[in-house]
């Protein structure tokens, strides 16, 4: 399992959420994103919207699978 913590640079609008989920969907790994006590699939638009990501929040990206490191690094870059 690979994990990375990032500080969100800006809140995500609907278009940015769709891009984030599309990016996560490119990877085979099981990818989760956690903020506070909420953890959702990074491949779920409704899950990402439910996190209500805001500027300055700390998010943990966790991935497990064959391409987990690449997935975590690319998604972390998209948020920070």
N, C-alpha and C. Protein backbone atom coordinates (compact mmCIF):
# COMPACT_ATOMS: atom_id res chain seq x y z
N UNK A 1 0.85 -1.18 0.00
CA UNK A 1 0.00 0.00 0.00
C UNK A 1 0.89 1.24 0.00
N UNK A 2 0.51 2.20 -0.81
CA UNK A 2 1.21 3.48 -0.89
C UNK A 2 0.26 4.56 -0.40
N UNK A 3 0.79 5.48 0.38
CA UNK A 3 -0.02 6.55 0.95
C UNK A 3 0.74 7.87 0.85
N UNK A 4 0.00 8.95 0.59
CA UNK A 4 0.60 10.28 0.53
C UNK A 4 -0.40 11.27 1.09
N UNK A 5 0.10 12.21 1.87
CA UNK A 5 -0.73 13.27 2.43
C UNK A 5 -0.42 14.56 1.69
N UNK A 6 -1.48 15.28 1.31
CA UNK A 6 -1.32 16.56 0.60
C UNK A 6 -2.23 17.60 1.23
N UNK A 7 -1.88 18.85 1.03
CA UNK A 7 -2.74 19.96 1.41
C UNK A 7 -3.43 20.43 0.13
N UNK A 8 -4.74 20.48 0.16
CA UNK A 8 -5.52 20.85 -1.03
C UNK A 8 -5.31 22.33 -1.33
N UNK A 9 -4.90 22.63 -2.57
CA UNK A 9 -4.58 24.01 -2.93
C UNK A 9 -5.81 24.87 -3.17
N UNK A 10 -6.90 24.26 -3.65
CA UNK A 10 -8.14 25.01 -3.85
C UNK A 10 -9.30 24.03 -3.90
N UNK A 11 -10.48 24.52 -3.53
CA UNK A 11 -11.68 23.69 -3.56
C UNK A 11 -11.94 23.23 -5.00
N UNK A 12 -12.52 22.05 -5.13
CA UNK A 12 -12.78 21.49 -6.45
C UNK A 12 -14.19 21.80 -6.90
N UNK A 13 -14.33 22.33 -8.12
CA UNK A 13 -15.66 22.51 -8.69
C UNK A 13 -16.03 21.21 -9.42
N UNK A 14 -17.20 21.16 -10.00
CA UNK A 14 -17.69 19.93 -10.64
C UNK A 14 -16.77 19.44 -11.76
N UNK A 15 -16.25 20.36 -12.55
CA UNK A 15 -15.36 19.98 -13.65
C UNK A 15 -14.06 19.37 -13.10
N UNK A 16 -13.54 19.97 -12.05
CA UNK A 16 -12.29 19.47 -11.46
C UNK A 16 -12.51 18.11 -10.79
N UNK A 17 -13.66 17.92 -10.17
CA UNK A 17 -13.98 16.61 -9.58
C UNK A 17 -14.04 15.56 -10.69
N UNK A 18 -14.68 15.87 -11.80
CA UNK A 18 -14.77 14.93 -12.91
C UNK A 18 -13.38 14.58 -13.44
N UNK A 19 -12.51 15.58 -13.56
CA UNK A 19 -11.14 15.33 -14.02
C UNK A 19 -10.40 14.44 -13.03
N UNK A 20 -10.55 14.72 -11.74
CA UNK A 20 -9.88 13.93 -10.70
C UNK A 20 -10.31 12.46 -10.78
N UNK A 21 -11.62 12.23 -10.88
CA UNK A 21 -12.17 10.87 -10.96
C UNK A 21 -11.71 10.18 -12.24
N UNK A 22 -11.69 10.92 -13.34
CA UNK A 22 -11.22 10.36 -14.61
C UNK A 22 -9.75 9.97 -14.51
N UNK A 23 -8.96 10.78 -13.86
CA UNK A 23 -7.54 10.47 -13.66
C UNK A 23 -7.40 9.22 -12.81
N UNK A 24 -8.15 9.11 -11.73
CA UNK A 24 -8.10 7.93 -10.87
C UNK A 24 -8.50 6.68 -11.65
N UNK A 25 -9.45 6.82 -12.55
CA UNK A 25 -9.94 5.70 -13.33
C UNK A 25 -8.93 5.10 -14.29
N UNK A 26 -7.86 5.83 -14.58
CA UNK A 26 -6.81 5.33 -15.48
C UNK A 26 -6.00 4.21 -14.83
N UNK A 27 -6.08 4.09 -13.51
CA UNK A 27 -5.22 3.16 -12.78
C UNK A 27 -5.98 1.90 -12.38
N UNK A 28 -5.26 0.79 -12.33
CA UNK A 28 -5.83 -0.50 -11.93
C UNK A 28 -6.00 -0.59 -10.41
N UNK A 29 -5.19 0.13 -9.67
CA UNK A 29 -5.18 0.04 -8.21
C UNK A 29 -6.50 0.48 -7.60
N UNK A 30 -6.76 -0.03 -6.39
CA UNK A 30 -7.87 0.44 -5.57
C UNK A 30 -7.38 1.71 -4.90
N UNK A 31 -8.04 2.82 -5.16
CA UNK A 31 -7.57 4.12 -4.67
C UNK A 31 -8.65 4.75 -3.79
N UNK A 32 -8.24 5.17 -2.61
CA UNK A 32 -9.14 5.84 -1.68
C UNK A 32 -8.58 7.22 -1.36
N UNK A 33 -9.46 8.14 -1.01
CA UNK A 33 -9.04 9.44 -0.52
C UNK A 33 -9.77 9.68 0.79
N UNK A 34 -9.03 10.14 1.79
CA UNK A 34 -9.60 10.35 3.11
C UNK A 34 -9.36 11.78 3.57
N UNK A 35 -10.42 12.39 4.10
CA UNK A 35 -10.34 13.71 4.71
C UNK A 35 -11.09 13.60 6.02
N UNK A 36 -10.43 14.01 7.10
CA UNK A 36 -10.99 13.87 8.44
C UNK A 36 -11.37 12.42 8.67
N UNK A 37 -12.60 12.12 8.97
CA UNK A 37 -13.02 10.73 9.23
C UNK A 37 -13.76 10.11 8.06
N UNK A 38 -13.75 10.77 6.90
CA UNK A 38 -14.45 10.26 5.71
C UNK A 38 -13.43 9.65 4.76
N UNK A 39 -13.73 8.45 4.25
CA UNK A 39 -12.86 7.80 3.25
C UNK A 39 -13.75 7.29 2.13
N UNK A 40 -13.41 7.68 0.90
CA UNK A 40 -14.21 7.27 -0.26
C UNK A 40 -13.30 6.80 -1.39
N UNK A 41 -13.90 6.14 -2.35
CA UNK A 41 -13.17 5.73 -3.54
C UNK A 41 -12.84 6.97 -4.38
N UNK A 42 -11.61 7.05 -4.84
CA UNK A 42 -11.21 8.16 -5.70
C UNK A 42 -11.82 8.03 -7.09
N UNK A 43 -12.46 6.91 -7.37
CA UNK A 43 -13.07 6.68 -8.68
C UNK A 43 -14.57 6.97 -8.66
N UNK A 44 -15.07 7.52 -7.55
CA UNK A 44 -16.50 7.79 -7.39
C UNK A 44 -16.76 9.29 -7.38
N UNK A 45 -17.47 9.77 -8.39
CA UNK A 45 -17.80 11.20 -8.45
C UNK A 45 -18.61 11.60 -7.22
N UNK A 46 -19.62 10.83 -6.88
CA UNK A 46 -20.45 11.18 -5.72
C UNK A 46 -19.65 11.14 -4.43
N UNK A 47 -18.74 10.19 -4.31
CA UNK A 47 -17.90 10.11 -3.12
C UNK A 47 -17.01 11.32 -2.97
N UNK A 48 -16.38 11.73 -4.07
CA UNK A 48 -15.49 12.89 -4.03
C UNK A 48 -16.28 14.16 -3.72
N UNK A 49 -17.45 14.31 -4.32
CA UNK A 49 -18.30 15.47 -4.01
C UNK A 49 -18.67 15.47 -2.53
N UNK A 50 -18.98 14.30 -1.97
CA UNK A 50 -19.39 14.20 -0.57
C UNK A 50 -18.27 14.62 0.39
N UNK A 51 -17.03 14.52 -0.04
CA UNK A 51 -15.92 14.94 0.82
C UNK A 51 -15.87 16.45 1.03
N UNK A 52 -16.51 17.19 0.14
CA UNK A 52 -16.53 18.65 0.22
C UNK A 52 -15.12 19.22 0.43
N UNK A 53 -14.22 18.87 -0.47
CA UNK A 53 -12.83 19.30 -0.36
C UNK A 53 -12.72 20.82 -0.39
N UNK A 54 -12.01 21.37 0.57
CA UNK A 54 -11.84 22.81 0.66
C UNK A 54 -10.36 23.17 0.69
N UNK A 55 -10.07 24.36 0.28
CA UNK A 55 -8.70 24.86 0.28
C UNK A 55 -8.09 24.74 1.68
N UNK A 56 -6.88 24.22 1.73
CA UNK A 56 -6.15 24.11 2.99
C UNK A 56 -6.39 22.84 3.77
N UNK A 57 -7.34 22.01 3.36
CA UNK A 57 -7.59 20.74 4.05
C UNK A 57 -6.47 19.76 3.76
N UNK A 58 -6.25 18.87 4.71
CA UNK A 58 -5.28 17.79 4.55
C UNK A 58 -6.00 16.55 4.04
N UNK A 59 -5.53 16.00 2.94
CA UNK A 59 -6.14 14.81 2.35
C UNK A 59 -5.10 13.69 2.27
N UNK A 60 -5.52 12.49 2.59
CA UNK A 60 -4.66 11.31 2.46
C UNK A 60 -5.12 10.52 1.25
N UNK A 61 -4.19 10.22 0.37
CA UNK A 61 -4.48 9.40 -0.80
C UNK A 61 -3.83 8.05 -0.56
N UNK A 62 -4.62 6.99 -0.65
CA UNK A 62 -4.14 5.64 -0.40
C UNK A 62 -4.43 4.77 -1.62
N UNK A 63 -3.48 3.97 -2.01
CA UNK A 63 -3.69 3.09 -3.16
C UNK A 63 -3.05 1.74 -2.90
N UNK A 64 -3.69 0.72 -3.43
CA UNK A 64 -3.16 -0.63 -3.32
C UNK A 64 -3.38 -1.34 -4.64
N UNK A 65 -2.29 -1.80 -5.23
CA UNK A 65 -2.38 -2.51 -6.50
C UNK A 65 -1.10 -2.38 -7.30
N UNK A 66 -1.14 -2.82 -8.53
CA UNK A 66 0.06 -2.91 -9.36
C UNK A 66 0.66 -1.55 -9.72
N UNK A 67 -0.17 -0.52 -9.81
CA UNK A 67 0.34 0.80 -10.20
C UNK A 67 0.08 1.85 -9.11
N UNK A 68 0.11 1.39 -7.86
CA UNK A 68 -0.26 2.24 -6.73
C UNK A 68 0.61 3.48 -6.58
N UNK A 69 1.90 3.35 -6.76
CA UNK A 69 2.79 4.50 -6.58
C UNK A 69 2.51 5.59 -7.62
N UNK A 70 2.36 5.20 -8.88
CA UNK A 70 2.05 6.17 -9.93
C UNK A 70 0.70 6.83 -9.68
N UNK A 71 -0.28 6.05 -9.22
CA UNK A 71 -1.61 6.58 -8.96
C UNK A 71 -1.57 7.63 -7.85
N UNK A 72 -0.92 7.32 -6.76
CA UNK A 72 -0.84 8.25 -5.63
C UNK A 72 -0.11 9.53 -6.05
N UNK A 73 0.98 9.40 -6.76
CA UNK A 73 1.75 10.58 -7.16
C UNK A 73 0.97 11.48 -8.12
N UNK A 74 0.28 10.89 -9.08
CA UNK A 74 -0.47 11.70 -10.04
C UNK A 74 -1.67 12.39 -9.39
N UNK A 75 -2.37 11.68 -8.52
CA UNK A 75 -3.53 12.29 -7.86
C UNK A 75 -3.10 13.34 -6.84
N UNK A 76 -1.98 13.11 -6.18
CA UNK A 76 -1.47 14.12 -5.24
C UNK A 76 -1.11 15.39 -5.99
N UNK A 77 -0.52 15.25 -7.15
CA UNK A 77 -0.17 16.42 -7.96
C UNK A 77 -1.42 17.16 -8.40
N UNK A 78 -2.50 16.45 -8.66
CA UNK A 78 -3.74 17.10 -9.09
C UNK A 78 -4.37 17.93 -7.97
N UNK A 79 -4.12 17.56 -6.73
CA UNK A 79 -4.72 18.27 -5.59
C UNK A 79 -3.84 19.39 -5.04
N UNK A 80 -2.52 19.26 -5.23
CA UNK A 80 -1.64 20.24 -4.59
C UNK A 80 -0.95 21.15 -5.59
